[in-house]
N, C-alpha and C. Protein backbone atom coordinates (compact mmCIF):
# COMPACT_ATOMS: atom_id res chain seq x y z
N UNK A 1 -5.47 49.68 31.78
CA UNK A 1 -4.94 48.96 30.62
C UNK A 1 -3.91 49.81 29.88
N UNK A 2 -4.20 51.13 29.76
CA UNK A 2 -3.28 52.01 29.07
C UNK A 2 -1.93 52.09 29.75
N UNK A 3 -1.94 52.17 31.09
CA UNK A 3 -0.69 52.23 31.84
C UNK A 3 0.12 50.96 31.63
N UNK A 4 -0.54 49.80 31.62
CA UNK A 4 0.17 48.54 31.44
C UNK A 4 0.77 48.46 30.05
N UNK A 5 0.06 48.94 29.04
CA UNK A 5 0.59 48.93 27.68
C UNK A 5 1.81 49.84 27.56
N UNK A 6 1.73 51.01 28.20
CA UNK A 6 2.87 51.92 28.16
C UNK A 6 4.07 51.32 28.85
N UNK A 7 3.84 50.63 29.98
CA UNK A 7 4.94 49.99 30.70
C UNK A 7 5.57 48.90 29.85
N UNK A 8 4.72 48.09 29.17
CA UNK A 8 5.25 47.03 28.32
C UNK A 8 6.06 47.61 27.16
N UNK A 9 5.53 48.66 26.52
CA UNK A 9 6.24 49.29 25.41
C UNK A 9 7.56 49.88 25.87
N UNK A 10 7.57 50.45 27.08
CA UNK A 10 8.80 51.01 27.62
C UNK A 10 9.86 49.93 27.80
N UNK A 11 9.43 48.76 28.32
CA UNK A 11 10.37 47.65 28.49
C UNK A 11 10.89 47.18 27.14
N UNK A 12 10.00 47.09 26.16
CA UNK A 12 10.40 46.63 24.83
C UNK A 12 11.38 47.61 24.19
N UNK A 13 11.10 48.92 24.32
CA UNK A 13 12.01 49.93 23.77
C UNK A 13 13.38 49.83 24.42
N UNK A 14 13.39 49.63 25.74
CA UNK A 14 14.66 49.52 26.46
C UNK A 14 15.43 48.29 26.00
N UNK A 15 14.73 47.18 25.79
CA UNK A 15 15.38 45.96 25.33
C UNK A 15 15.98 46.17 23.94
N UNK A 16 15.24 46.86 23.05
CA UNK A 16 15.76 47.13 21.71
C UNK A 16 17.01 48.00 21.78
N UNK A 17 16.99 48.99 22.67
CA UNK A 17 18.13 49.89 22.81
C UNK A 17 19.36 49.14 23.32
N UNK A 18 19.19 48.33 24.35
CA UNK A 18 20.33 47.62 24.92
C UNK A 18 20.77 46.44 24.07
N UNK A 19 19.93 46.03 23.12
CA UNK A 19 20.37 45.01 22.17
C UNK A 19 21.57 45.50 21.36
N UNK A 20 21.64 46.80 21.15
CA UNK A 20 22.70 47.39 20.33
C UNK A 20 23.93 47.78 21.12
N UNK A 21 23.78 47.99 22.42
CA UNK A 21 24.87 48.54 23.22
C UNK A 21 25.23 47.58 24.34
N UNK A 22 26.43 46.96 24.31
CA UNK A 22 26.83 46.06 25.39
C UNK A 22 27.17 46.83 26.66
N UNK A 23 27.00 46.19 27.80
CA UNK A 23 27.32 46.83 29.06
C UNK A 23 26.18 47.67 29.57
N UNK A 24 25.03 47.03 29.82
CA UNK A 24 23.89 47.75 30.39
C UNK A 24 24.31 48.36 31.72
N UNK A 25 23.99 49.62 31.99
CA UNK A 25 24.40 50.25 33.25
C UNK A 25 23.97 49.44 34.46
N UNK A 26 24.86 49.33 35.44
CA UNK A 26 24.60 48.52 36.63
C UNK A 26 23.30 48.92 37.32
N UNK A 27 23.02 50.23 37.34
CA UNK A 27 21.85 50.69 38.09
C UNK A 27 20.54 50.28 37.44
N UNK A 28 20.58 49.80 36.22
CA UNK A 28 19.37 49.33 35.55
C UNK A 28 18.91 47.98 36.10
N UNK A 29 19.81 47.23 36.73
CA UNK A 29 19.46 45.91 37.22
C UNK A 29 18.92 45.97 38.64
N UNK A 30 18.00 45.06 38.92
CA UNK A 30 17.53 44.87 40.29
C UNK A 30 18.58 44.05 41.00
N UNK A 31 19.07 44.54 42.13
CA UNK A 31 20.23 43.92 42.78
C UNK A 31 19.94 43.62 44.24
N UNK A 32 20.59 42.59 44.73
CA UNK A 32 20.51 42.23 46.14
C UNK A 32 21.90 42.19 46.73
N UNK A 33 22.15 41.19 47.57
CA UNK A 33 23.46 41.07 48.20
C UNK A 33 24.42 40.19 47.40
N UNK A 34 23.94 39.62 46.31
CA UNK A 34 24.79 38.75 45.50
C UNK A 34 25.65 39.61 44.57
N UNK A 35 26.96 39.33 44.48
CA UNK A 35 27.83 40.13 43.60
C UNK A 35 27.35 40.08 42.14
N UNK A 36 27.58 41.19 41.43
CA UNK A 36 27.19 41.27 40.04
C UNK A 36 28.38 41.69 39.19
N UNK A 37 28.50 41.13 38.01
CA UNK A 37 29.56 41.52 37.09
C UNK A 37 29.35 42.96 36.65
N UNK A 38 30.34 43.83 36.90
CA UNK A 38 30.20 45.24 36.58
C UNK A 38 30.05 45.45 35.08
N UNK A 39 29.40 46.55 34.72
CA UNK A 39 29.04 46.76 33.32
C UNK A 39 30.25 46.80 32.39
N UNK A 40 31.36 47.38 32.85
CA UNK A 40 32.54 47.45 31.99
C UNK A 40 33.11 46.05 31.72
N UNK A 41 33.14 45.22 32.78
CA UNK A 41 33.61 43.84 32.63
C UNK A 41 32.64 43.06 31.75
N UNK A 42 31.36 43.30 31.96
CA UNK A 42 30.33 42.59 31.21
C UNK A 42 30.44 42.89 29.71
N UNK A 43 30.75 44.13 29.38
CA UNK A 43 30.89 44.50 27.97
C UNK A 43 32.02 43.73 27.31
N UNK A 44 33.12 43.56 28.04
CA UNK A 44 34.25 42.79 27.50
C UNK A 44 33.89 41.31 27.40
N UNK A 45 33.22 40.79 28.42
CA UNK A 45 32.79 39.39 28.39
C UNK A 45 31.93 39.13 27.16
N UNK A 46 30.99 40.02 26.87
CA UNK A 46 30.12 39.85 25.71
C UNK A 46 30.92 39.87 24.42
N UNK A 47 31.92 40.72 24.34
CA UNK A 47 32.74 40.77 23.13
C UNK A 47 33.52 39.48 22.94
N UNK A 48 33.96 38.86 24.05
CA UNK A 48 34.72 37.61 23.96
C UNK A 48 33.80 36.42 23.67
N UNK A 49 32.54 36.51 24.09
CA UNK A 49 31.61 35.42 23.79
C UNK A 49 31.25 35.38 22.31
N UNK A 50 31.24 36.53 21.66
CA UNK A 50 30.90 36.61 20.23
C UNK A 50 29.58 35.89 19.93
N UNK A 51 28.55 36.39 20.52
CA UNK A 51 27.24 35.76 20.40
C UNK A 51 26.60 36.06 19.05
N UNK A 52 26.04 35.02 18.44
CA UNK A 52 25.22 35.19 17.27
C UNK A 52 23.76 35.27 17.67
N UNK A 53 22.90 35.68 16.74
CA UNK A 53 21.49 35.88 17.06
C UNK A 53 20.78 34.60 17.45
N UNK A 54 21.30 33.44 17.00
CA UNK A 54 20.63 32.18 17.30
C UNK A 54 21.47 31.26 18.17
N UNK A 55 22.45 31.80 18.85
CA UNK A 55 23.30 30.98 19.70
C UNK A 55 22.59 30.58 20.99
N UNK A 56 22.89 29.37 21.43
CA UNK A 56 22.42 28.89 22.74
C UNK A 56 23.57 29.04 23.73
N UNK A 57 23.29 29.70 24.85
CA UNK A 57 24.32 29.98 25.84
C UNK A 57 23.91 29.47 27.20
N UNK A 58 24.89 28.99 27.97
CA UNK A 58 24.67 28.62 29.35
C UNK A 58 25.49 29.55 30.25
N UNK A 59 24.81 30.19 31.18
CA UNK A 59 25.45 31.09 32.15
C UNK A 59 25.53 30.34 33.48
N UNK A 60 26.72 29.88 33.81
CA UNK A 60 26.93 29.07 35.02
C UNK A 60 27.33 29.98 36.18
N UNK A 61 26.54 29.94 37.25
CA UNK A 61 26.74 30.86 38.36
C UNK A 61 26.20 32.22 37.97
N UNK A 62 24.92 32.25 37.59
CA UNK A 62 24.34 33.44 36.93
C UNK A 62 24.16 34.63 37.86
N UNK A 63 24.18 34.42 39.18
CA UNK A 63 24.12 35.54 40.12
C UNK A 63 22.83 36.33 40.04
N UNK A 64 22.93 37.61 39.65
CA UNK A 64 21.74 38.45 39.50
C UNK A 64 21.14 38.37 38.10
N UNK A 65 21.85 37.72 37.19
CA UNK A 65 21.34 37.57 35.83
C UNK A 65 21.76 38.66 34.87
N UNK A 66 22.78 39.45 35.19
CA UNK A 66 23.17 40.54 34.31
C UNK A 66 23.72 40.02 32.98
N UNK A 67 24.58 39.02 33.02
CA UNK A 67 25.10 38.44 31.77
C UNK A 67 23.98 37.69 31.04
N UNK A 68 23.14 36.99 31.79
CA UNK A 68 22.01 36.29 31.19
C UNK A 68 21.13 37.24 30.40
N UNK A 69 20.78 38.37 30.98
CA UNK A 69 19.92 39.35 30.32
C UNK A 69 20.57 39.85 29.03
N UNK A 70 21.84 40.24 29.11
CA UNK A 70 22.49 40.77 27.92
C UNK A 70 22.61 39.70 26.84
N UNK A 71 22.90 38.46 27.23
CA UNK A 71 22.98 37.38 26.26
C UNK A 71 21.63 37.14 25.60
N UNK A 72 20.57 37.20 26.39
CA UNK A 72 19.23 37.00 25.84
C UNK A 72 18.88 38.07 24.82
N UNK A 73 19.30 39.31 25.06
CA UNK A 73 19.03 40.39 24.12
C UNK A 73 19.89 40.27 22.87
N UNK A 74 21.10 39.74 23.01
CA UNK A 74 22.00 39.59 21.86
C UNK A 74 21.62 38.39 21.00
N UNK A 75 21.01 37.38 21.59
CA UNK A 75 20.66 36.15 20.88
C UNK A 75 19.16 35.89 20.97
N UNK A 76 18.35 36.74 20.34
CA UNK A 76 16.90 36.62 20.49
C UNK A 76 16.32 35.33 19.91
N UNK A 77 17.03 34.72 18.95
CA UNK A 77 16.55 33.47 18.36
C UNK A 77 17.18 32.25 19.00
N UNK A 78 18.02 32.48 20.01
CA UNK A 78 18.66 31.38 20.73
C UNK A 78 17.99 31.14 22.07
N UNK A 79 18.53 30.18 22.79
CA UNK A 79 18.03 29.87 24.13
C UNK A 79 19.16 30.11 25.13
N UNK A 80 18.81 30.77 26.23
CA UNK A 80 19.77 31.07 27.28
C UNK A 80 19.38 30.30 28.53
N UNK A 81 20.35 29.61 29.12
CA UNK A 81 20.11 28.82 30.32
C UNK A 81 20.90 29.43 31.47
N UNK A 82 20.19 29.93 32.48
CA UNK A 82 20.81 30.56 33.64
C UNK A 82 20.84 29.57 34.79
N UNK A 83 22.03 29.15 35.18
CA UNK A 83 22.19 28.15 36.23
C UNK A 83 22.62 28.85 37.52
N UNK A 84 21.83 28.72 38.56
CA UNK A 84 22.12 29.37 39.83
C UNK A 84 21.58 28.51 40.96
N UNK A 85 22.38 28.35 42.02
CA UNK A 85 21.97 27.48 43.12
C UNK A 85 21.36 28.25 44.29
N UNK A 86 21.58 29.56 44.36
CA UNK A 86 21.08 30.34 45.49
C UNK A 86 19.67 30.85 45.22
N UNK A 87 18.81 30.70 46.22
CA UNK A 87 17.40 31.12 46.07
C UNK A 87 17.30 32.61 45.80
N UNK A 88 18.10 33.43 46.48
CA UNK A 88 18.05 34.87 46.25
C UNK A 88 18.45 35.20 44.82
N UNK A 89 19.47 34.52 44.32
CA UNK A 89 19.89 34.75 42.95
C UNK A 89 18.81 34.41 41.95
N UNK A 90 18.13 33.29 42.15
CA UNK A 90 17.05 32.89 41.24
C UNK A 90 15.93 33.92 41.22
N UNK A 91 15.60 34.47 42.39
CA UNK A 91 14.56 35.50 42.46
C UNK A 91 14.99 36.77 41.72
N UNK A 92 16.25 37.17 41.90
CA UNK A 92 16.75 38.37 41.23
C UNK A 92 16.78 38.19 39.72
N UNK A 93 17.21 37.01 39.28
CA UNK A 93 17.25 36.74 37.85
C UNK A 93 15.84 36.85 37.26
N UNK A 94 14.89 36.25 37.93
CA UNK A 94 13.51 36.29 37.44
C UNK A 94 13.00 37.73 37.35
N UNK A 95 13.30 38.54 38.35
CA UNK A 95 12.87 39.94 38.34
C UNK A 95 13.52 40.71 37.19
N UNK A 96 14.81 40.45 36.96
CA UNK A 96 15.50 41.16 35.88
C UNK A 96 15.04 40.69 34.50
N UNK A 97 14.71 39.43 34.38
CA UNK A 97 14.18 38.94 33.11
C UNK A 97 12.85 39.62 32.78
N UNK A 98 12.02 39.79 33.79
CA UNK A 98 10.74 40.48 33.58
C UNK A 98 10.98 41.95 33.23
N UNK A 99 11.91 42.57 33.91
CA UNK A 99 12.17 43.99 33.66
C UNK A 99 12.62 44.23 32.22
N UNK A 100 13.48 43.35 31.71
CA UNK A 100 14.01 43.54 30.36
C UNK A 100 13.25 42.76 29.30
N UNK A 101 12.14 42.17 29.70
CA UNK A 101 11.24 41.50 28.76
C UNK A 101 11.95 40.39 27.99
N UNK A 102 12.73 39.58 28.70
CA UNK A 102 13.46 38.47 28.09
C UNK A 102 12.61 37.20 28.20
N UNK A 103 12.23 36.64 27.08
CA UNK A 103 11.38 35.45 27.11
C UNK A 103 12.08 34.22 26.54
N UNK A 104 13.38 34.31 26.29
CA UNK A 104 14.12 33.17 25.73
C UNK A 104 15.11 32.60 26.74
N UNK A 105 14.80 32.76 28.03
CA UNK A 105 15.69 32.30 29.10
C UNK A 105 14.99 31.23 29.93
N UNK A 106 15.73 30.19 30.26
CA UNK A 106 15.23 29.15 31.17
C UNK A 106 16.08 29.16 32.43
N UNK A 107 15.43 29.33 33.58
CA UNK A 107 16.14 29.31 34.86
C UNK A 107 16.36 27.87 35.30
N UNK A 108 17.59 27.57 35.71
CA UNK A 108 17.93 26.24 36.17
C UNK A 108 18.40 26.34 37.61
N UNK A 109 17.62 25.83 38.55
CA UNK A 109 17.98 25.87 39.96
C UNK A 109 18.86 24.67 40.27
N UNK A 110 20.10 24.93 40.65
CA UNK A 110 20.99 23.83 40.98
C UNK A 110 22.43 24.21 40.75
N UNK A 111 23.29 23.23 40.87
CA UNK A 111 24.73 23.44 40.77
C UNK A 111 25.29 22.65 39.60
N UNK A 112 26.15 23.30 38.83
CA UNK A 112 26.82 22.62 37.73
C UNK A 112 27.93 21.70 38.28
N UNK A 113 28.17 20.54 37.64
CA UNK A 113 27.61 20.15 36.35
C UNK A 113 26.30 19.36 36.41
N UNK A 114 25.86 18.93 37.61
CA UNK A 114 24.65 18.10 37.67
C UNK A 114 23.44 18.79 37.07
N UNK A 115 23.34 20.12 37.27
CA UNK A 115 22.18 20.86 36.79
C UNK A 115 22.14 20.94 35.26
N UNK A 116 23.23 20.57 34.59
CA UNK A 116 23.30 20.65 33.14
C UNK A 116 22.87 19.37 32.44
N UNK A 117 22.61 18.32 33.21
CA UNK A 117 22.44 16.99 32.63
C UNK A 117 21.33 16.90 31.59
N UNK A 118 20.22 17.57 31.79
CA UNK A 118 19.08 17.43 30.90
C UNK A 118 18.98 18.55 29.87
N UNK A 119 20.04 19.35 29.75
CA UNK A 119 20.02 20.48 28.82
C UNK A 119 20.64 20.10 27.47
N UNK A 120 20.26 20.80 26.41
CA UNK A 120 20.87 20.55 25.10
C UNK A 120 22.30 21.08 25.06
N UNK A 121 22.99 20.86 23.97
CA UNK A 121 24.37 21.33 23.84
C UNK A 121 24.39 22.85 23.61
N UNK A 122 25.49 23.46 23.99
CA UNK A 122 25.60 24.92 23.97
C UNK A 122 26.59 25.37 22.89
N UNK A 123 26.29 26.56 22.31
CA UNK A 123 27.26 27.23 21.44
C UNK A 123 28.28 28.01 22.26
N UNK A 124 27.80 28.57 23.37
CA UNK A 124 28.63 29.42 24.21
C UNK A 124 28.35 29.11 25.68
N UNK A 125 29.39 29.26 26.50
CA UNK A 125 29.25 29.06 27.95
C UNK A 125 30.00 30.19 28.65
N UNK A 126 29.32 30.83 29.59
CA UNK A 126 29.99 31.79 30.46
C UNK A 126 30.02 31.22 31.87
N UNK A 127 31.20 31.20 32.46
CA UNK A 127 31.36 30.70 33.82
C UNK A 127 31.73 31.87 34.72
N UNK A 128 30.73 32.37 35.43
CA UNK A 128 30.97 33.46 36.37
C UNK A 128 31.33 32.94 37.74
N UNK A 129 30.94 31.70 38.02
CA UNK A 129 31.27 31.04 39.28
C UNK A 129 31.13 29.55 39.12
N UNK A 130 32.18 28.84 39.50
CA UNK A 130 32.18 27.38 39.33
C UNK A 130 31.99 26.63 40.64
N UNK A 131 31.99 27.36 41.76
CA UNK A 131 31.85 26.70 43.06
C UNK A 131 32.98 25.73 43.36
N UNK A 132 34.16 25.97 42.78
CA UNK A 132 35.29 25.08 43.00
C UNK A 132 35.21 23.78 42.23
N UNK A 133 34.30 23.71 41.26
CA UNK A 133 34.09 22.45 40.54
C UNK A 133 34.40 22.59 39.04
N UNK A 134 35.35 23.46 38.72
CA UNK A 134 35.67 23.69 37.32
C UNK A 134 36.09 22.42 36.58
N UNK A 135 36.95 21.57 37.13
CA UNK A 135 37.32 20.34 36.39
C UNK A 135 36.11 19.50 36.01
N UNK A 136 35.16 19.35 36.93
CA UNK A 136 33.97 18.55 36.63
C UNK A 136 33.10 19.22 35.57
N UNK A 137 33.00 20.54 35.64
CA UNK A 137 32.21 21.28 34.65
C UNK A 137 32.83 21.13 33.27
N UNK A 138 34.14 21.27 33.19
CA UNK A 138 34.81 21.15 31.89
C UNK A 138 34.75 19.72 31.37
N UNK A 139 34.77 18.74 32.25
CA UNK A 139 34.58 17.35 31.81
C UNK A 139 33.22 17.21 31.13
N UNK A 140 32.20 17.79 31.74
CA UNK A 140 30.86 17.72 31.15
C UNK A 140 30.81 18.44 29.81
N UNK A 141 31.46 19.59 29.72
CA UNK A 141 31.39 20.40 28.50
C UNK A 141 32.14 19.78 27.34
N UNK A 142 32.97 18.78 27.58
CA UNK A 142 33.60 18.08 26.47
C UNK A 142 32.53 17.44 25.59
N UNK A 143 31.38 17.13 26.18
CA UNK A 143 30.24 16.61 25.43
C UNK A 143 29.18 17.70 25.24
N UNK A 144 28.99 18.53 26.25
CA UNK A 144 27.90 19.50 26.26
C UNK A 144 28.13 20.73 25.41
N UNK A 145 29.38 20.98 24.98
CA UNK A 145 29.68 22.14 24.15
C UNK A 145 29.71 21.72 22.68
N UNK A 146 29.06 22.50 21.84
CA UNK A 146 29.03 22.18 20.41
C UNK A 146 30.41 22.36 19.79
N UNK A 147 30.65 21.69 18.66
CA UNK A 147 31.92 21.90 17.93
C UNK A 147 32.11 23.39 17.62
N UNK A 148 33.34 23.84 17.75
CA UNK A 148 33.68 25.25 17.57
C UNK A 148 32.98 26.14 18.59
N UNK A 149 32.63 25.56 19.71
CA UNK A 149 32.03 26.34 20.79
C UNK A 149 33.07 27.19 21.49
N UNK A 150 32.60 28.00 22.40
CA UNK A 150 33.49 28.95 23.08
C UNK A 150 33.08 29.08 24.53
N UNK A 151 34.07 29.09 25.42
CA UNK A 151 33.85 29.26 26.86
C UNK A 151 34.56 30.52 27.32
N UNK A 152 33.88 31.34 28.10
CA UNK A 152 34.49 32.51 28.70
C UNK A 152 34.34 32.39 30.21
N UNK A 153 35.43 32.61 30.92
CA UNK A 153 35.45 32.45 32.38
C UNK A 153 36.08 33.67 33.01
N UNK A 154 35.48 34.16 34.09
CA UNK A 154 36.04 35.25 34.87
C UNK A 154 36.77 34.72 36.09
N UNK A 155 37.97 35.24 36.32
CA UNK A 155 38.76 34.85 37.50
C UNK A 155 39.26 36.11 38.18
N UNK A 156 39.16 36.12 39.50
CA UNK A 156 39.63 37.28 40.27
C UNK A 156 41.00 37.01 40.89
N UNK A 157 41.23 35.79 41.35
CA UNK A 157 42.49 35.48 42.02
C UNK A 157 43.45 34.79 41.05
N UNK A 158 44.75 34.89 41.37
CA UNK A 158 45.76 34.22 40.57
C UNK A 158 45.62 32.71 40.66
N UNK A 159 45.19 32.21 41.82
CA UNK A 159 45.00 30.77 41.96
C UNK A 159 43.93 30.27 40.99
N UNK A 160 42.81 31.00 40.92
CA UNK A 160 41.75 30.60 40.00
C UNK A 160 42.22 30.70 38.55
N UNK A 161 42.93 31.78 38.24
CA UNK A 161 43.45 31.97 36.88
C UNK A 161 44.37 30.81 36.49
N UNK A 162 45.30 30.48 37.36
CA UNK A 162 46.28 29.44 37.05
C UNK A 162 45.63 28.08 36.89
N UNK A 163 44.75 27.73 37.81
CA UNK A 163 44.10 26.42 37.74
C UNK A 163 43.19 26.33 36.52
N UNK A 164 42.48 27.41 36.20
CA UNK A 164 41.60 27.40 35.03
C UNK A 164 42.41 27.25 33.75
N UNK A 165 43.49 27.99 33.66
CA UNK A 165 44.35 27.90 32.47
C UNK A 165 44.86 26.48 32.29
N UNK A 166 45.31 25.87 33.37
CA UNK A 166 45.83 24.51 33.29
C UNK A 166 44.75 23.51 32.87
N UNK A 167 43.54 23.70 33.39
CA UNK A 167 42.44 22.79 33.04
C UNK A 167 42.06 22.93 31.56
N UNK A 168 42.04 24.15 31.07
CA UNK A 168 41.73 24.35 29.65
C UNK A 168 42.80 23.73 28.75
N UNK A 169 44.05 23.99 29.09
CA UNK A 169 45.14 23.48 28.26
C UNK A 169 45.18 21.95 28.28
N UNK A 170 44.90 21.38 29.42
CA UNK A 170 44.91 19.92 29.55
C UNK A 170 43.90 19.28 28.61
N UNK A 171 42.83 20.00 28.31
CA UNK A 171 41.77 19.46 27.45
C UNK A 171 41.92 19.87 26.00
N UNK A 172 42.99 20.56 25.68
CA UNK A 172 43.28 20.88 24.29
C UNK A 172 42.66 22.16 23.77
N UNK A 173 42.12 23.00 24.66
CA UNK A 173 41.57 24.26 24.21
C UNK A 173 42.69 25.26 23.90
N UNK A 174 42.43 26.12 22.91
CA UNK A 174 43.30 27.26 22.70
C UNK A 174 42.76 28.39 23.56
N UNK A 175 43.61 29.04 24.32
CA UNK A 175 43.15 30.02 25.30
C UNK A 175 43.72 31.40 25.04
N UNK A 176 42.96 32.40 25.45
CA UNK A 176 43.42 33.77 25.45
C UNK A 176 43.04 34.39 26.79
N UNK A 177 43.92 35.18 27.36
CA UNK A 177 43.69 35.77 28.68
C UNK A 177 43.91 37.27 28.61
N UNK A 178 42.96 38.03 29.13
CA UNK A 178 43.13 39.47 29.27
C UNK A 178 42.81 39.85 30.71
N UNK A 179 43.42 40.92 31.16
CA UNK A 179 43.12 41.44 32.50
C UNK A 179 42.43 42.79 32.33
N UNK A 180 41.31 42.96 33.03
CA UNK A 180 40.54 44.19 32.92
C UNK A 180 40.34 44.77 34.32
N UNK A 181 40.64 46.03 34.47
CA UNK A 181 40.36 46.73 35.72
C UNK A 181 39.63 48.03 35.39
N UNK A 182 38.75 48.43 36.27
CA UNK A 182 37.92 49.62 36.03
C UNK A 182 38.12 50.62 37.15
N UNK A 183 38.25 51.87 36.78
CA UNK A 183 38.32 52.95 37.75
C UNK A 183 37.29 54.00 37.36
N UNK A 184 36.35 54.25 38.26
CA UNK A 184 35.31 55.24 38.01
C UNK A 184 35.55 56.45 38.91
N UNK A 185 35.02 57.57 38.49
CA UNK A 185 35.03 58.72 39.39
C UNK A 185 33.69 58.79 40.12
N UNK A 186 33.75 59.22 41.35
CA UNK A 186 32.53 59.44 42.11
C UNK A 186 32.68 60.73 42.89
N UNK A 187 31.59 61.42 43.06
CA UNK A 187 31.61 62.72 43.73
C UNK A 187 31.42 62.53 45.23
N UNK A 188 32.32 63.11 45.99
CA UNK A 188 32.22 63.13 47.45
C UNK A 188 32.29 64.59 47.88
N UNK A 189 31.13 65.10 48.30
CA UNK A 189 31.00 66.53 48.60
C UNK A 189 31.36 67.33 47.34
N UNK A 190 32.37 68.18 47.41
CA UNK A 190 32.70 68.99 46.25
C UNK A 190 33.82 68.38 45.42
N UNK A 191 34.28 67.19 45.80
CA UNK A 191 35.42 66.58 45.11
C UNK A 191 34.98 65.38 44.27
N UNK A 192 35.75 65.12 43.20
CA UNK A 192 35.61 63.89 42.43
C UNK A 192 36.75 62.95 42.82
N UNK A 193 36.40 61.74 43.20
CA UNK A 193 37.40 60.77 43.62
C UNK A 193 37.34 59.54 42.71
N UNK A 194 38.44 58.79 42.70
CA UNK A 194 38.49 57.57 41.91
C UNK A 194 38.06 56.38 42.75
N UNK A 195 37.25 55.54 42.14
CA UNK A 195 36.75 54.33 42.79
C UNK A 195 37.19 53.13 41.94
N UNK A 196 38.19 52.41 42.42
CA UNK A 196 38.76 51.31 41.65
C UNK A 196 38.14 49.98 42.05
N UNK A 197 37.96 49.11 41.07
CA UNK A 197 37.45 47.77 41.35
C UNK A 197 38.59 46.76 41.28
N UNK A 198 38.33 45.57 41.77
CA UNK A 198 39.33 44.51 41.73
C UNK A 198 39.54 44.08 40.28
N UNK A 199 40.79 43.98 39.82
CA UNK A 199 41.03 43.52 38.45
C UNK A 199 40.45 42.12 38.22
N UNK A 200 39.98 41.89 37.01
CA UNK A 200 39.39 40.61 36.65
C UNK A 200 40.15 40.03 35.45
N UNK A 201 40.51 38.77 35.55
CA UNK A 201 41.08 38.05 34.42
C UNK A 201 39.94 37.39 33.64
N UNK A 202 39.90 37.63 32.35
CA UNK A 202 38.88 37.03 31.50
C UNK A 202 39.57 36.04 30.57
N UNK A 203 39.22 34.78 30.72
CA UNK A 203 39.82 33.71 29.94
C UNK A 203 38.85 33.26 28.85
N UNK A 204 39.31 33.23 27.63
CA UNK A 204 38.52 32.70 26.53
C UNK A 204 39.13 31.38 26.10
N UNK A 205 38.31 30.35 26.03
CA UNK A 205 38.78 29.03 25.60
C UNK A 205 37.93 28.57 24.43
N UNK A 206 38.56 28.05 23.41
CA UNK A 206 37.84 27.64 22.21
C UNK A 206 38.49 26.43 21.60
N UNK A 207 37.75 25.78 20.70
CA UNK A 207 38.34 24.72 19.91
C UNK A 207 39.41 25.30 18.99
N UNK A 208 40.37 24.47 18.66
CA UNK A 208 41.49 24.95 17.85
C UNK A 208 41.02 25.50 16.50
N UNK A 209 39.91 24.99 15.99
CA UNK A 209 39.45 25.38 14.67
C UNK A 209 38.74 26.71 14.59
N UNK A 210 38.50 27.37 15.72
CA UNK A 210 37.75 28.63 15.71
C UNK A 210 38.65 29.82 15.93
N UNK A 211 38.36 30.93 15.26
CA UNK A 211 39.14 32.14 15.44
C UNK A 211 38.93 32.71 16.84
N UNK A 212 40.00 33.24 17.43
CA UNK A 212 39.91 33.82 18.77
C UNK A 212 39.12 35.12 18.73
């Protein structure tokens, strides 16, 4: 019993610590073969989401659940909905939710936008993967997103960036786009080398009445 209590307290302490610091280190997450948003990108995504303590967020294409976990810690009085269609992803998300002691998350097995039909409206939406169905998802969010809501989307290719920008503008959103690339050093034998990641475009879309 004592060991279990210490383990629970350790998880709670870790959750309290990461509540204050965005960009939980990648190695803290349980990972499989599904791609995960790197911690540096995740920190910027969280800053663009501007989560309040009671915000409800939907993470579309949740993958391993890294953004879901951080959102759950940032919005302890809100509800987080993690939408993922892959069985491996759902298992990883569940494991990471247990590790970080997140109890305000609901896992949604399925593909957006159909998987969103029975959910309440959202304050914030993060789109890490749309499965090529961004127009349909945005059509749904015209009703599913609360007034003055905010959408953040990650794009790796110029084609995705261009099409997403056009879809947002067509619907009257005010958009902001930043490009983020990360270069880390890693040790190889006695040398330190640079390890660069693929640049990511982060698009923020909001109602005209909300500050960027």
